[in-house]
Amino acid sequence: QVQLVESGGGLVHPGGSLRLSCTASASIHSLTTLGWDRQAPGKERELVARISDAGVKDHKEYHDSVAGRLTISRDFAKNAAYLQMNSLKPEDTAVYYCYAKQNCDEVWGEGTLVTVPS
């Protein structure tokens, strides 16, 4: 089973930007879907972004609250996925988890904390 390791979290002021990285222990060619979830304090984990194959182009989907501000991407050469986060808001404060689907298995990393103070 593939293992995922996130990095890039930290403290950023409102309106700022941050880039999260996720490195996979195996080739991401074997992964049906890559993505990011997050869990804010006192709330349930929620889907943030997904990227998967759709013919020639990637298929991407986003939670409504982050569309237009967050962008997911992947690099097959580096076996990595990224989440570019712009115009960050206090409500984006959460632990962000890298996600992968491999056949019927779902895998998450340990998470990286993003804090946007109000």
Protein backbone atom coordinates (compact mmCIF):
# COMPACT_ATOMS: atom_id res chain seq x y z
CA GLN A 1 0.00 0.00 0.00
CA VAL A 2 1.31 3.43 -0.93
CA GLN A 3 2.35 5.80 1.86
CA LEU A 4 1.83 9.55 1.69
CA VAL A 5 3.84 12.27 3.43
CA GLU A 6 2.65 15.88 3.54
CA SER A 7 4.75 19.00 4.01
CA GLY A 8 4.43 22.75 3.66
CA GLY A 9 1.98 23.62 6.40
CA GLY A 10 2.47 26.57 8.72
CA LEU A 11 1.11 29.89 9.87
CA VAL A 12 0.06 32.41 7.25
CA HIS A 13 -1.85 35.67 7.62
CA PRO A 14 -5.24 36.21 5.95
CA GLY A 15 -4.87 36.84 2.25
CA GLY A 16 -1.57 35.03 2.13
CA SER A 17 -0.49 31.96 0.20
CA LEU A 18 0.89 28.55 1.02
CA ARG A 19 1.84 25.49 -1.04
CA LEU A 20 1.33 22.03 0.37
CA SER A 21 3.24 19.06 -1.00
CA CYS A 22 2.48 15.36 -0.82
CA THR A 23 5.11 12.76 -1.67
CA ALA A 24 4.07 9.18 -2.42
CA SER A 25 6.19 6.13 -1.62
CA ALA A 26 5.36 4.57 -4.99
CA SER A 27 4.63 5.68 -8.52
CA ILE A 28 1.49 7.79 -8.68
CA HIS A 29 0.73 6.25 -12.06
CA SER A 30 -0.82 3.41 -10.05
CA LEU A 31 -3.16 5.75 -8.21
CA THR A 32 -6.65 6.30 -9.56
CA THR A 33 -7.12 9.56 -7.71
CA LEU A 34 -5.03 11.97 -5.65
CA GLY A 35 -6.38 14.70 -3.44
CA TRP A 36 -6.54 16.69 -0.26
CA ASP A 37 -8.94 16.59 2.67
CA ARG A 38 -8.97 18.80 5.76
CA GLN A 39 -10.25 18.70 9.29
CA ALA A 40 -10.83 21.92 11.21
CA PRO A 41 -10.95 21.97 15.03
CA GLY A 42 -14.24 20.53 16.25
CA LYS A 43 -15.42 19.64 12.74
CA GLU A 44 -15.56 16.54 10.58
CA ARG A 45 -13.02 15.84 7.86
CA GLU A 46 -14.08 17.21 4.48
CA LEU A 47 -12.97 16.86 0.88
CA VAL A 48 -10.97 19.83 -0.38
CA ALA A 49 -9.76 18.79 -3.83
CA ARG A 50 -9.38 15.78 -6.11
CA ILE A 51 -7.43 15.15 -9.32
CA SER A 52 -7.83 12.15 -11.59
CA ASP A 53 -7.43 11.10 -15.21
CA ALA A 54 -10.04 12.21 -17.74
CA GLY A 55 -8.67 11.33 -21.13
CA VAL A 56 -6.17 13.91 -22.36
CA LYS A 57 -6.78 16.36 -19.52
CA ASP A 58 -6.91 15.96 -15.75
CA HIS A 59 -10.27 16.02 -14.02
CA LYS A 60 -10.27 18.30 -10.97
CA GLU A 61 -12.93 18.96 -8.39
CA TYR A 62 -13.04 21.28 -5.40
CA HIS A 63 -15.10 22.00 -2.33
CA ASP A 64 -17.28 25.03 -3.02
CA SER A 65 -15.59 27.04 -0.26
CA VAL A 66 -12.14 26.81 -1.88
CA ALA A 67 -12.95 26.93 -5.62
CA GLY A 68 -11.00 29.72 -7.28
CA ARG A 69 -8.54 30.02 -4.38
CA LEU A 70 -6.97 26.56 -4.13
CA THR A 71 -5.45 24.61 -7.02
CA ILE A 72 -4.51 20.94 -7.03
CA SER A 73 -1.79 19.56 -9.28
CA ARG A 74 0.44 16.51 -9.58
CA ASP A 75 3.92 15.69 -10.88
CA PHE A 76 4.39 12.13 -12.14
CA ALA A 77 8.17 12.50 -12.32
CA LYS A 78 8.35 13.37 -8.62
CA ASN A 79 5.50 11.09 -7.48
CA ALA A 80 3.98 14.12 -5.82
CA ALA A 81 0.79 16.11 -5.50
CA TYR A 82 0.46 19.75 -4.56
CA LEU A 83 -2.13 22.14 -3.22
CA GLN A 84 -1.52 25.80 -4.03
CA MET A 85 -3.50 27.86 -1.53
CA ASN A 86 -4.11 31.56 -2.25
CA SER A 87 -6.23 34.23 -0.57
CA LEU A 88 -6.28 32.20 2.62
CA LYS A 89 -8.97 32.87 5.23
CA PRO A 90 -9.20 32.07 8.95
CA GLU A 91 -11.80 29.42 8.11
CA ASP A 92 -9.13 27.56 6.11
CA THR A 93 -7.39 26.73 9.39
CA ALA A 94 -7.23 22.93 9.57
CA VAL A 95 -5.06 19.86 9.35
CA TYR A 96 -4.69 19.04 5.68
CA TYR A 97 -4.39 15.39 4.65
CA CYS A 98 -3.11 14.04 1.39
CA TYR A 99 -5.43 11.40 -0.10
CA ALA A 100 -4.94 8.65 -2.64
CA LYS A 101 -7.13 5.96 -4.12
CA GLN A 102 -5.38 2.83 -5.31
CA ASN A 103 -7.76 0.30 -6.84
CA CYS A 104 -10.39 -0.06 -4.08
CA ASP A 105 -8.13 1.15 -1.26
CA GLU A 106 -8.14 4.66 0.16
CA VAL A 107 -5.05 6.03 1.88
CA TRP A 108 -4.39 9.23 3.82
CA GLY A 109 -1.18 10.77 5.11
CA GLU A 110 -0.56 11.96 8.67
CA GLY A 111 -1.51 15.53 7.86
CA THR A 112 0.05 18.98 8.00
CA LEU A 113 -1.36 21.89 9.98
CA VAL A 114 -2.32 25.16 8.30
CA THR A 115 -3.15 28.07 10.59
CA VAL A 116 -4.67 31.34 9.39
CA PRO A 117 -5.24 33.62 12.39
CA SER A 118 -8.22 35.95 12.48
